[in-house]
């Protein structure tokens, strides 16, 4: 488990990490194991690189992520469109 991600979700801090060719800034909402058994993060991307060119809801395979950093910036809480008990997760460690 990644304690930085757990801390960020508990305190509603944005995180920044390297993923798939660039840095991403996200509002982390749900952290756990995906239905494929990978460590995963459901988050709303607000800034940074995106291979699709779009911001918004994404599931990140943290096996592909590096250099996770908790930012000082906070977010208000659950963003519109977030569904608790994420169906993409087989085990949830923490969620908003």
N, C-alpha and C. Protein backbone atom coordinates (compact mmCIF):
# COMPACT_ATOMS: atom_id res chain seq x y z
N UNK A 1 0.84 -1.20 0.00
CA UNK A 1 0.00 0.00 0.00
C UNK A 1 0.88 1.24 0.00
N UNK A 2 0.37 2.28 -0.61
CA UNK A 2 1.10 3.53 -0.68
C UNK A 2 0.53 4.52 0.34
N UNK A 3 1.30 4.77 1.38
CA UNK A 3 0.84 5.66 2.45
C UNK A 3 0.66 7.10 1.99
N UNK A 4 1.41 7.53 0.98
CA UNK A 4 1.24 8.89 0.47
C UNK A 4 -0.16 9.08 -0.12
N UNK A 5 -0.61 8.10 -0.87
CA UNK A 5 -1.94 8.20 -1.47
C UNK A 5 -3.02 8.17 -0.39
N UNK A 6 -2.85 7.31 0.60
CA UNK A 6 -3.81 7.24 1.70
C UNK A 6 -3.88 8.59 2.42
N UNK A 7 -2.73 9.18 2.71
CA UNK A 7 -2.67 10.49 3.37
C UNK A 7 -3.34 11.56 2.51
N UNK A 8 -3.08 11.54 1.21
CA UNK A 8 -3.66 12.54 0.31
C UNK A 8 -5.18 12.45 0.27
N UNK A 9 -5.73 11.24 0.24
CA UNK A 9 -7.18 11.07 0.22
C UNK A 9 -7.78 11.51 1.55
N UNK A 10 -7.17 11.11 2.66
CA UNK A 10 -7.68 11.50 3.98
C UNK A 10 -7.75 13.03 4.13
N UNK A 11 -6.71 13.70 3.63
CA UNK A 11 -6.60 15.15 3.82
C UNK A 11 -7.04 15.96 2.61
N UNK A 12 -7.53 15.27 1.58
CA UNK A 12 -8.03 15.91 0.35
C UNK A 12 -6.99 16.82 -0.30
N UNK A 13 -5.79 16.26 -0.48
CA UNK A 13 -4.71 16.97 -1.16
C UNK A 13 -4.55 16.43 -2.58
N UNK A 14 -4.26 17.33 -3.50
CA UNK A 14 -3.92 16.92 -4.86
C UNK A 14 -2.60 16.15 -4.82
N UNK A 15 -2.43 15.26 -5.77
CA UNK A 15 -1.14 14.58 -5.92
C UNK A 15 -0.64 14.77 -7.35
N UNK A 16 0.66 14.67 -7.48
CA UNK A 16 1.33 14.79 -8.79
C UNK A 16 2.21 13.56 -8.93
N UNK A 17 2.18 12.96 -10.12
CA UNK A 17 3.02 11.80 -10.36
C UNK A 17 3.30 11.64 -11.84
N UNK A 18 4.36 10.92 -12.13
CA UNK A 18 4.74 10.62 -13.50
C UNK A 18 3.97 9.38 -13.94
N UNK A 19 3.38 9.45 -15.13
CA UNK A 19 2.57 8.33 -15.61
C UNK A 19 2.48 8.38 -17.13
N UNK A 20 2.86 7.28 -17.78
CA UNK A 20 2.64 7.12 -19.22
C UNK A 20 3.14 8.31 -20.03
N UNK A 21 4.38 8.73 -19.77
CA UNK A 21 4.98 9.75 -20.61
C UNK A 21 4.95 11.17 -20.10
N UNK A 22 4.37 11.41 -18.94
CA UNK A 22 4.34 12.79 -18.43
C UNK A 22 3.79 12.87 -17.03
N UNK A 23 3.87 14.07 -16.47
CA UNK A 23 3.35 14.28 -15.12
C UNK A 23 1.86 14.60 -15.15
N UNK A 24 1.14 14.07 -14.17
CA UNK A 24 -0.30 14.30 -14.02
C UNK A 24 -0.56 14.92 -12.66
N UNK A 25 -1.57 15.76 -12.57
CA UNK A 25 -2.04 16.29 -11.29
C UNK A 25 -3.49 15.84 -11.16
N UNK A 26 -3.80 15.20 -10.02
CA UNK A 26 -5.13 14.60 -9.85
C UNK A 26 -5.69 14.85 -8.45
N UNK A 27 -7.02 14.77 -8.38
CA UNK A 27 -7.75 14.72 -7.11
C UNK A 27 -8.01 13.24 -6.84
N UNK A 28 -7.29 12.63 -5.89
CA UNK A 28 -7.46 11.20 -5.64
C UNK A 28 -8.76 10.92 -4.88
N UNK A 29 -9.53 9.96 -5.37
CA UNK A 29 -10.82 9.64 -4.74
C UNK A 29 -10.91 8.22 -4.19
N UNK A 30 -10.31 7.25 -4.87
CA UNK A 30 -10.43 5.86 -4.46
C UNK A 30 -9.13 5.12 -4.78
N UNK A 31 -8.61 4.43 -3.77
CA UNK A 31 -7.34 3.71 -3.91
C UNK A 31 -7.54 2.27 -3.45
N UNK A 32 -7.08 1.33 -4.28
CA UNK A 32 -7.22 -0.08 -3.92
C UNK A 32 -6.66 -0.99 -4.98
N UNK A 33 -7.21 -2.20 -5.05
CA UNK A 33 -6.82 -3.16 -6.07
C UNK A 33 -7.91 -3.20 -7.14
N UNK A 34 -7.48 -3.13 -8.39
CA UNK A 34 -8.44 -3.18 -9.49
C UNK A 34 -8.96 -4.61 -9.65
N UNK A 35 -9.98 -4.76 -10.46
CA UNK A 35 -10.53 -6.09 -10.72
C UNK A 35 -9.51 -6.98 -11.44
N UNK A 36 -8.46 -6.39 -12.02
CA UNK A 36 -7.38 -7.15 -12.66
C UNK A 36 -6.26 -7.46 -11.68
N UNK A 37 -6.41 -7.00 -10.42
CA UNK A 37 -5.42 -7.30 -9.40
C UNK A 37 -4.27 -6.30 -9.31
N UNK A 38 -4.37 -5.20 -10.03
CA UNK A 38 -3.33 -4.17 -10.00
C UNK A 38 -3.65 -3.12 -8.95
N UNK A 39 -2.61 -2.49 -8.41
CA UNK A 39 -2.81 -1.36 -7.51
C UNK A 39 -3.35 -0.21 -8.36
N UNK A 40 -4.52 0.32 -7.98
CA UNK A 40 -5.17 1.32 -8.81
C UNK A 40 -5.62 2.55 -8.05
N UNK A 41 -5.78 3.63 -8.79
CA UNK A 41 -6.25 4.89 -8.24
C UNK A 41 -7.30 5.48 -9.16
N UNK A 42 -8.49 5.69 -8.63
CA UNK A 42 -9.55 6.41 -9.36
C UNK A 42 -9.40 7.87 -8.95
N UNK A 43 -9.21 8.71 -9.94
CA UNK A 43 -8.94 10.12 -9.65
C UNK A 43 -9.46 11.00 -10.77
N UNK A 44 -9.66 12.26 -10.42
CA UNK A 44 -10.07 13.26 -11.40
C UNK A 44 -8.82 14.05 -11.78
N UNK A 45 -8.39 13.92 -13.03
CA UNK A 45 -7.20 14.64 -13.48
C UNK A 45 -7.56 16.09 -13.76
N UNK A 46 -6.79 17.01 -13.16
CA UNK A 46 -7.04 18.44 -13.31
C UNK A 46 -5.99 19.15 -14.14
N UNK A 47 -4.81 18.54 -14.29
CA UNK A 47 -3.72 19.23 -15.00
C UNK A 47 -2.68 18.20 -15.43
N UNK A 48 -1.81 18.63 -16.32
CA UNK A 48 -0.69 17.80 -16.74
C UNK A 48 -0.92 17.09 -18.05
N UNK A 49 -0.03 16.15 -18.32
CA UNK A 49 -0.04 15.39 -19.57
C UNK A 49 -1.22 14.42 -19.62
N UNK A 50 -1.77 14.27 -20.79
CA UNK A 50 -2.80 13.26 -21.02
C UNK A 50 -2.65 12.75 -22.44
N UNK A 51 -2.49 11.45 -22.62
CA UNK A 51 -2.34 10.90 -23.97
C UNK A 51 -3.59 11.16 -24.82
N UNK A 52 -4.76 11.26 -24.16
CA UNK A 52 -6.00 11.55 -24.90
C UNK A 52 -6.21 13.05 -25.07
N UNK A 53 -5.44 13.86 -24.32
CA UNK A 53 -5.62 15.31 -24.38
C UNK A 53 -6.76 15.80 -23.51
N UNK A 54 -7.38 14.90 -22.74
CA UNK A 54 -8.54 15.27 -21.93
C UNK A 54 -8.26 15.14 -20.44
N UNK A 55 -8.89 16.02 -19.68
CA UNK A 55 -8.87 15.94 -18.23
C UNK A 55 -10.16 15.22 -17.81
N UNK A 56 -10.26 14.84 -16.55
CA UNK A 56 -11.49 14.20 -16.08
C UNK A 56 -11.21 12.93 -15.32
N UNK A 57 -12.26 12.10 -15.19
CA UNK A 57 -12.18 10.85 -14.43
C UNK A 57 -11.32 9.83 -15.14
N UNK A 58 -10.39 9.22 -14.38
CA UNK A 58 -9.52 8.20 -14.95
C UNK A 58 -9.18 7.17 -13.88
N UNK A 59 -8.88 5.96 -14.34
CA UNK A 59 -8.36 4.90 -13.47
C UNK A 59 -6.89 4.75 -13.83
N UNK A 60 -6.02 4.92 -12.85
CA UNK A 60 -4.59 4.81 -13.07
C UNK A 60 -4.08 3.50 -12.49
N UNK A 61 -3.31 2.76 -13.30
CA UNK A 61 -2.61 1.56 -12.86
C UNK A 61 -1.32 2.05 -12.23
N UNK A 62 -1.23 1.99 -10.90
CA UNK A 62 -0.08 2.57 -10.22
C UNK A 62 1.22 1.81 -10.44
N UNK A 63 1.15 0.65 -11.05
CA UNK A 63 2.37 -0.05 -11.45
C UNK A 63 3.10 0.72 -12.54
N UNK A 64 2.40 1.62 -13.21
CA UNK A 64 2.98 2.46 -14.26
C UNK A 64 3.32 3.86 -13.75
N UNK A 65 3.00 4.15 -12.47
CA UNK A 65 3.22 5.47 -11.91
C UNK A 65 4.52 5.55 -11.12
N UNK A 66 5.12 6.73 -11.12
CA UNK A 66 6.36 6.97 -10.39
C UNK A 66 6.34 8.35 -9.76
N UNK A 67 7.21 8.56 -8.80
CA UNK A 67 7.46 9.88 -8.21
C UNK A 67 6.18 10.54 -7.68
N UNK A 68 5.43 9.83 -6.86
CA UNK A 68 4.19 10.38 -6.30
C UNK A 68 4.53 11.45 -5.26
N UNK A 69 3.92 12.61 -5.43
CA UNK A 69 4.18 13.76 -4.56
C UNK A 69 2.86 14.35 -4.11
N UNK A 70 2.71 14.56 -2.80
CA UNK A 70 1.52 15.22 -2.27
C UNK A 70 1.72 16.72 -2.39
N UNK A 71 0.77 17.40 -3.00
CA UNK A 71 0.85 18.85 -3.15
C UNK A 71 0.18 19.55 -1.98
N UNK A 72 0.52 20.81 -1.77
CA UNK A 72 -0.09 21.60 -0.69
C UNK A 72 -1.55 21.94 -1.00
N UNK A 73 -1.89 21.96 -2.28
CA UNK A 73 -3.24 22.36 -2.70
C UNK A 73 -4.26 21.30 -2.30
N UNK A 74 -5.39 21.76 -1.75
CA UNK A 74 -6.46 20.85 -1.34
C UNK A 74 -7.65 20.99 -2.29
N UNK A 75 -8.50 19.96 -2.30
CA UNK A 75 -9.74 20.03 -3.07
C UNK A 75 -10.90 19.85 -2.10
N UNK A 76 -12.09 20.24 -2.54
CA UNK A 76 -13.25 20.33 -1.65
C UNK A 76 -13.79 19.00 -1.17
N UNK A 77 -13.56 17.95 -1.90
CA UNK A 77 -14.11 16.64 -1.55
C UNK A 77 -14.61 15.95 -2.78
N UNK A 78 -15.59 15.11 -2.60
CA UNK A 78 -16.11 14.30 -3.70
C UNK A 78 -16.59 15.16 -4.86
N UNK A 79 -15.99 14.93 -6.00
CA UNK A 79 -16.34 15.67 -7.21
C UNK A 79 -17.55 15.02 -7.88
N UNK A 80 -18.31 15.85 -8.56
CA UNK A 80 -19.49 15.36 -9.28
C UNK A 80 -19.10 14.21 -10.21
N UNK A 81 -19.89 13.17 -10.19
CA UNK A 81 -19.64 12.02 -11.04
C UNK A 81 -18.94 10.87 -10.33
N UNK A 82 -18.48 11.12 -9.10
CA UNK A 82 -17.82 10.05 -8.36
C UNK A 82 -18.86 9.11 -7.75
N UNK A 83 -18.63 7.81 -7.92
CA UNK A 83 -19.52 6.80 -7.36
C UNK A 83 -18.75 5.98 -6.34
N UNK A 84 -19.21 6.01 -5.08
CA UNK A 84 -18.56 5.22 -4.03
C UNK A 84 -18.69 3.72 -4.35
N UNK A 85 -17.83 2.94 -3.71
CA UNK A 85 -17.78 1.49 -3.94
C UNK A 85 -17.51 1.19 -5.42
N UNK A 86 -16.46 1.81 -5.92
CA UNK A 86 -16.05 1.73 -7.33
C UNK A 86 -16.08 0.29 -7.84
N UNK A 87 -16.83 0.06 -8.89
CA UNK A 87 -16.95 -1.28 -9.48
C UNK A 87 -15.66 -1.74 -10.17
N UNK A 88 -14.75 -0.79 -10.44
CA UNK A 88 -13.47 -1.14 -11.05
C UNK A 88 -12.46 -1.68 -10.04
N UNK A 89 -12.86 -1.69 -8.77
CA UNK A 89 -11.97 -2.15 -7.70
C UNK A 89 -12.49 -3.45 -7.09
N UNK A 90 -11.57 -4.39 -6.87
CA UNK A 90 -11.96 -5.61 -6.16
C UNK A 90 -11.74 -5.45 -4.66
N UNK A 91 -10.83 -4.55 -4.27
CA UNK A 91 -10.59 -4.25 -2.86
C UNK A 91 -10.28 -2.76 -2.74
N UNK A 92 -10.98 -2.07 -1.84
CA UNK A 92 -10.76 -0.64 -1.65
C UNK A 92 -10.05 -0.43 -0.32
N UNK A 93 -8.89 0.25 -0.38
CA UNK A 93 -8.15 0.58 0.85
C UNK A 93 -8.72 1.83 1.49
N UNK A 94 -9.03 2.82 0.65
CA UNK A 94 -9.59 4.08 1.15
C UNK A 94 -10.29 4.78 0.01
N UNK A 95 -11.36 5.49 0.34
CA UNK A 95 -12.05 6.32 -0.64
C UNK A 95 -12.66 7.51 0.06
N UNK A 96 -12.97 8.52 -0.73
CA UNK A 96 -13.61 9.73 -0.18
C UNK A 96 -15.03 9.38 0.22
